Amino acid sequence: MRIQLECIPCLIRHGFDISAQTADPAVREQFMREVLAWASHLNYDQFPPLAAREMYAMLRRITGIHDPFVKVKEISNQKALAMYPAMKAKVETSVDRLDTALRIALSGNMIDYGRSAADGLDMDRVVSRFLGASFAIDHRDRFRQKSSEARDILYLLDNAGEIVFDRVLIEELGPDRVVSVVRGAPIINDVTMKDAEQAGLVDVCRVMSSGSNASGTPVSICSDEFKDLFHRADLVIAKGQGNYESLHEEEREVFHLFVAKCPVIAVEVGVAEGSALACFNDLRH
């Protein structure tokens, strides 16, 4: 998905929110002035995650803040880990373990600081909601077949906290055949290697960096090692909107699992805002 006009106020609002990380009003003003100037000549023919990458580069240069969500991510991981035993129990007592694990992973996608604060979410209630939710686009049968046949699965992670919910699905898929992918540097509350360590995922499966410092996974700026795995994996699973935005135009087949929290994304995909999606990037059954 390329940048739309509706993305501009969202980007500026996010810039305003992260500018609060500095206590110096003059520095904050300088950052916001540069954000507004940057937004006025933004290249619309790019993925939104690449625009966010530019804004975070400005934040680092002007404020010296490298990871504005570091504490929030730690708290998200801790809260999610506290839920982990109950989530595992739901899978182990389920009639359809894979589907339950997939729904639990989907519910974790509600933890998203790119659009709004998520610390007030009642995640127990969110999990219960998605355990019984319908899918606006539902390719689960195709996913089940592909996942049963795959020898190598590449799992593109999304956010801190959410990574624990993904761990439940990865353990059900069979961690020996899964390589999980984190960001190469901090961006919003996206997953880094530090989060994978905090969530215990490094003890479950192989975890690698995409080499990208953008949210989502824009393949063009990822490492050669990642590109090689991306193109030859039997199955690629991509969590979250950022991964959808940056990958749905790729020629290779990608399975997307996310909630359409953004009105622009909802219109792009043709679903109601707030819909659950379990879809391949060709959007066909």
Protein backbone atom coordinates (compact mmCIF):
# COMPACT_ATOMS: atom_id res chain seq x y z
CA MET A 1 0.00 0.00 0.00
CA ARG A 2 1.33 3.43 -0.95
CA ILE A 3 0.93 6.55 1.17
CA GLN A 4 -2.53 8.13 0.99
CA LEU A 5 -3.56 11.67 1.94
CA GLU A 6 -5.21 10.23 5.04
CA CYS A 7 -1.80 8.94 6.19
CA ILE A 8 -0.41 12.46 6.61
CA PRO A 9 -2.32 13.57 9.74
CA CYS A 10 -1.64 10.14 11.27
CA LEU A 11 2.11 10.51 10.68
CA ILE A 12 2.15 14.06 12.05
CA ARG A 13 0.14 13.02 15.10
CA HIS A 14 2.58 10.20 15.76
CA GLY A 15 5.47 12.64 15.41
CA PHE A 16 3.81 14.92 17.95
CA ASP A 17 3.35 12.02 20.37
CA ILE A 18 6.94 10.79 20.18
CA SER A 19 8.25 14.37 20.47
CA ALA A 20 6.98 14.31 24.06
CA GLN A 21 9.92 12.01 24.85
CA THR A 22 12.10 15.10 25.19
CA ALA A 23 11.54 17.46 28.11
CA ASP A 24 13.12 20.40 26.27
CA PRO A 25 10.38 22.53 24.63
CA ALA A 26 12.86 24.09 22.19
CA VAL A 27 14.07 20.69 20.98
CA ARG A 28 10.49 19.47 20.67
CA GLU A 29 9.57 22.55 18.64
CA GLN A 30 12.55 22.05 16.34
CA PHE A 31 11.56 18.42 15.76
CA MET A 32 7.94 19.28 15.00
CA ARG A 33 8.92 22.09 12.62
CA GLU A 34 11.11 19.65 10.70
CA VAL A 35 8.36 17.02 10.70
CA LEU A 36 5.88 19.51 9.23
CA ALA A 37 8.38 20.65 6.59
CA TRP A 38 9.19 17.02 5.75
CA ALA A 39 5.48 16.12 5.46
CA SER A 40 4.93 18.97 2.98
CA HIS A 41 7.21 17.33 0.39
CA LEU A 42 6.72 13.67 1.33
CA ASN A 43 7.04 11.12 -1.46
CA TYR A 44 3.61 9.50 -1.69
CA ASP A 45 4.86 6.71 -3.94
CA GLN A 46 6.33 4.73 -1.06
CA PHE A 47 5.16 2.40 1.68
CA PRO A 48 4.07 4.14 4.93
CA PRO A 49 6.71 2.22 6.95
CA LEU A 50 9.44 3.92 4.92
CA ALA A 51 7.99 7.33 5.79
CA ALA A 52 7.96 6.43 9.49
CA ARG A 53 11.60 5.39 9.14
CA GLU A 54 12.48 8.88 7.89
CA MET A 55 10.68 10.50 10.81
CA TYR A 56 12.46 8.34 13.39
CA ALA A 57 15.79 9.25 11.80
CA MET A 58 14.89 12.90 12.43
CA LEU A 59 13.98 12.06 16.02
CA ARG A 60 17.37 10.43 16.64
CA ARG A 61 19.26 13.28 14.98
CA ILE A 62 17.44 16.12 16.77
CA THR A 63 16.75 14.63 20.20
CA GLY A 64 19.33 11.86 20.55
CA ILE A 65 16.51 9.45 21.49
CA HIS A 66 17.23 6.06 19.91
CA ASP A 67 14.35 3.96 21.22
CA PRO A 68 11.41 6.06 22.52
CA PHE A 69 9.32 3.00 23.39
CA VAL A 70 11.96 0.94 25.20
CA LYS A 71 10.18 0.98 28.58
CA VAL A 72 6.75 0.48 27.02
CA LYS A 73 8.04 -2.56 25.14
CA GLU A 74 9.46 -4.11 28.30
CA ILE A 75 6.13 -3.66 30.08
CA SER A 76 4.24 -5.11 27.10
CA ASN A 77 6.49 -8.18 27.09
CA GLN A 78 6.08 -8.67 30.84
CA LYS A 79 2.28 -8.39 30.67
CA ALA A 80 2.11 -10.80 27.76
CA LEU A 81 4.40 -13.32 29.47
CA ALA A 82 2.07 -13.28 32.48
CA MET A 83 -0.71 -14.37 30.10
CA TYR A 84 1.37 -17.05 28.40
CA PRO A 85 0.44 -20.03 30.65
CA ALA A 86 -3.29 -19.37 30.21
CA MET A 87 -2.90 -19.01 26.44
CA LYS A 88 -0.99 -22.29 26.24
CA ALA A 89 -3.69 -23.98 28.29
CA LYS A 90 -6.34 -22.75 25.83
CA VAL A 91 -4.44 -24.34 22.96
CA GLU A 92 -3.78 -27.62 24.78
CA THR A 93 -7.45 -28.07 25.68
CA SER A 94 -8.74 -26.98 22.27
CA VAL A 95 -10.43 -29.24 19.74
CA ASP A 96 -8.54 -27.43 16.96
CA ARG A 97 -5.15 -26.50 18.37
CA LEU A 98 -3.78 -24.79 15.25
CA ASP A 99 -6.83 -22.58 14.80
CA THR A 100 -6.84 -21.61 18.48
CA ALA A 101 -3.12 -20.76 18.35
CA LEU A 102 -3.69 -18.70 15.20
CA ARG A 103 -6.51 -16.77 16.87
CA ILE A 104 -4.37 -16.10 19.93
CA ALA A 105 -1.59 -14.78 17.71
CA LEU A 106 -4.14 -12.56 15.94
CA SER A 107 -5.42 -11.14 19.23
CA GLY A 108 -1.90 -9.96 20.09
CA ASN A 109 -2.04 -7.67 17.05
CA MET A 110 -4.17 -5.27 19.09
CA ILE A 111 -1.00 -4.19 20.95
CA ASP A 112 -0.03 -1.28 18.71
CA TYR A 113 1.54 2.02 19.76
CA GLY A 114 1.84 3.21 16.17
CA ARG A 115 -1.76 4.45 16.25
CA SER A 116 -2.64 4.88 19.93
CA ALA A 117 -1.64 3.86 23.43
CA ALA A 118 -2.38 0.19 24.03
CA ASP A 119 -1.50 -0.07 27.71
CA GLY A 120 -5.18 0.24 28.67
CA LEU A 121 -6.21 -2.80 26.63
CA ASP A 122 -7.86 -5.64 28.53
CA MET A 123 -5.96 -8.37 26.70
CA ASP A 124 -7.86 -11.20 28.39
CA ARG A 125 -11.04 -9.76 26.91
CA VAL A 126 -9.36 -9.24 23.54
CA VAL A 127 -8.22 -12.89 23.43
CA SER A 128 -11.74 -14.06 24.30
CA ARG A 129 -13.17 -11.86 21.55
CA PHE A 130 -10.90 -13.24 18.83
CA LEU A 131 -11.34 -16.85 19.91
CA GLY A 132 -14.87 -16.54 18.57
CA ALA A 133 -14.45 -13.84 15.92
CA SER A 134 -15.27 -14.29 12.26
CA PHE A 135 -12.75 -13.33 9.56
CA ALA A 136 -13.59 -10.70 6.95
CA ILE A 137 -11.19 -12.48 4.60
CA ASP A 138 -10.65 -16.08 5.57
CA HIS A 139 -7.90 -18.18 3.98
CA ARG A 140 -7.38 -20.42 7.00
CA ASP A 141 -8.02 -23.63 5.08
CA ARG A 142 -5.38 -22.69 2.54
CA PHE A 143 -3.03 -21.72 5.38
CA ARG A 144 -3.62 -25.04 7.12
CA GLN A 145 -2.68 -26.93 3.97
CA LYS A 146 0.37 -24.78 3.24
CA SER A 147 1.62 -24.97 6.83
CA SER A 148 1.24 -28.76 6.93
CA GLU A 149 3.33 -29.11 3.77
CA ALA A 150 6.00 -26.50 4.55
CA ARG A 151 9.48 -27.59 5.55
CA ASP A 152 10.71 -24.02 6.10
CA ILE A 153 8.51 -21.29 7.59
CA LEU A 154 9.57 -17.65 7.83
CA TYR A 155 7.57 -15.81 10.51
CA LEU A 156 7.75 -12.02 10.30
CA LEU A 157 7.03 -10.62 13.75
CA ASP A 158 5.29 -7.34 14.51
CA ASN A 159 5.21 -5.70 17.95
CA ALA A 160 6.60 -6.17 21.45
CA GLY A 161 4.14 -7.97 23.71
CA GLU A 162 2.49 -9.41 20.63
CA ILE A 163 5.60 -11.56 20.18
CA VAL A 164 4.50 -13.73 23.13
CA PHE A 165 1.17 -14.39 21.39
CA ASP A 166 3.14 -15.28 18.25
CA ARG A 167 5.25 -17.66 20.30
CA VAL A 168 2.11 -19.69 21.01
CA LEU A 169 1.46 -20.13 17.28
CA ILE A 170 5.12 -20.82 16.48
CA GLU A 171 5.23 -23.58 19.09
CA GLU A 172 2.13 -25.13 17.53
CA LEU A 173 3.53 -24.91 13.99
CA GLY A 174 6.70 -26.69 15.06
CA PRO A 175 9.58 -24.40 16.05
CA ASP A 176 12.26 -26.57 14.43
CA ARG A 177 11.07 -25.46 10.99
CA VAL A 178 10.40 -21.80 11.89
CA VAL A 179 12.74 -18.83 11.55
CA SER A 180 11.34 -15.72 13.24
CA VAL A 181 12.30 -12.27 12.03
CA VAL A 182 12.75 -9.10 14.11
CA ARG A 183 13.64 -5.52 13.08
CA GLY A 184 17.25 -4.53 12.66
CA ALA A 185 16.85 -1.42 14.85
CA PRO A 186 14.20 0.12 17.15
CA ILE A 187 11.20 1.69 15.40
CA ILE A 188 7.88 2.46 17.19
CA ASN A 189 7.18 -0.60 19.40
CA ASP A 190 8.22 -3.10 16.74
CA VAL A 191 10.03 -6.24 17.80
CA THR A 192 13.82 -6.25 18.10
CA MET A 193 16.21 -9.01 19.14
CA LYS A 194 16.01 -7.70 22.71
CA ASP A 195 12.26 -8.34 22.72
CA ALA A 196 12.78 -11.85 21.35
CA GLU A 197 15.13 -12.50 24.26
CA GLN A 198 12.69 -11.05 26.81
CA ALA A 199 9.82 -13.10 25.37
CA GLY A 200 11.85 -16.31 25.45
CA LEU A 201 11.46 -16.79 21.72
CA VAL A 202 15.21 -17.23 21.21
CA ASP A 203 14.90 -20.44 23.26
CA VAL A 204 12.06 -21.72 21.06
CA CYS A 205 13.19 -21.19 17.47
CA ARG A 206 15.86 -19.49 15.41
CA VAL A 207 15.48 -15.68 15.46
CA MET A 208 17.15 -13.39 12.94
CA SER A 209 17.13 -9.70 12.06
CA SER A 210 15.67 -8.47 8.80
CA GLY A 211 18.43 -5.87 8.72
CA SER A 212 15.77 -3.19 8.26
CA ASN A 213 15.23 -0.19 10.52
CA ALA A 214 11.71 0.42 9.20
CA SER A 215 8.43 -0.80 10.64
CA GLY A 216 7.05 -3.67 8.61
CA THR A 217 9.44 -5.47 6.26
CA PRO A 218 10.25 -3.49 3.09
CA VAL A 219 12.28 -6.18 1.33
CA SER A 220 14.33 -3.71 -0.71
CA ILE A 221 16.13 -2.39 2.40
CA CYS A 222 16.53 -5.75 4.16
CA SER A 223 19.75 -7.76 4.39
CA ASP A 224 20.84 -10.20 1.69
CA GLU A 225 20.51 -13.04 4.21
CA PHE A 226 16.89 -12.12 4.84
CA LYS A 227 16.12 -11.72 1.13
CA ASP A 228 17.47 -15.20 0.47
CA LEU A 229 15.31 -16.78 3.18
CA PHE A 230 12.28 -14.72 2.16
CA HIS A 231 12.38 -15.94 -1.42
CA ARG A 232 13.09 -19.60 -0.72
CA ALA A 233 10.94 -20.31 2.37
CA ASP A 234 8.04 -22.66 1.74
CA LEU A 235 5.71 -20.40 3.74
CA VAL A 236 5.99 -16.77 4.85
CA ILE A 237 3.73 -15.59 7.67
CA ALA A 238 3.55 -11.82 8.16
CA LYS A 239 1.97 -10.33 11.27
CA GLY A 240 0.47 -6.87 11.48
CA GLN A 241 -0.47 -3.91 9.31
CA GLY A 242 3.10 -2.70 8.76
CA ASN A 243 4.00 -6.03 7.21
CA TYR A 244 0.86 -5.94 5.07
CA GLU A 245 1.65 -2.40 3.89
CA SER A 246 5.19 -3.30 2.90
CA LEU A 247 4.69 -6.84 1.55
CA HIS A 248 1.31 -7.30 -0.10
CA GLU A 249 2.70 -6.21 -3.49
CA GLU A 250 5.45 -8.84 -3.40
CA GLU A 251 5.26 -11.45 -6.14
CA ARG A 252 5.84 -14.35 -3.79
CA GLU A 253 2.98 -15.75 -1.70
CA VAL A 254 2.70 -14.28 1.81
CA PHE A 255 0.14 -15.14 4.49
CA HIS A 256 -1.01 -12.04 6.40
CA LEU A 257 -2.55 -12.20 9.86
CA PHE A 258 -3.75 -8.88 11.29
CA VAL A 259 -6.60 -6.66 12.43
CA ALA A 260 -7.52 -3.77 10.11
CA LYS A 261 -7.13 -1.01 12.70
CA CYS A 262 -6.50 1.73 10.13
CA PRO A 263 -9.37 3.13 7.99
CA VAL A 264 -7.04 3.48 4.99
CA ILE A 265 -6.05 -0.19 5.21
CA ALA A 266 -9.69 -1.20 5.66
CA VAL A 267 -10.68 0.62 2.46
CA GLU A 268 -7.63 -0.75 0.60
CA VAL A 269 -8.51 -4.34 1.49
CA GLY A 270 -12.28 -3.80 1.22
CA VAL A 271 -13.30 -4.66 4.79
CA ALA A 272 -14.81 -2.84 7.76
CA GLU A 273 -12.39 -1.17 10.16
CA GLY A 274 -11.65 -3.52 13.07
CA SER A 275 -12.03 -6.65 10.92
CA ALA A 276 -9.90 -9.73 11.45
CA LEU A 277 -7.98 -10.95 8.40
CA ALA A 278 -6.25 -14.23 7.70
CA CYS A 279 -5.37 -13.81 4.04
CA PHE A 280 -2.77 -14.49 1.43
CA ASN A 281 -1.53 -11.43 -0.46
CA ASP A 282 -3.35 -12.38 -3.65
CA LEU A 283 -6.61 -12.06 -1.61
CA ARG A 284 -8.09 -15.09 -3.36
CA HIS A 285 -9.27 -18.33 -1.83
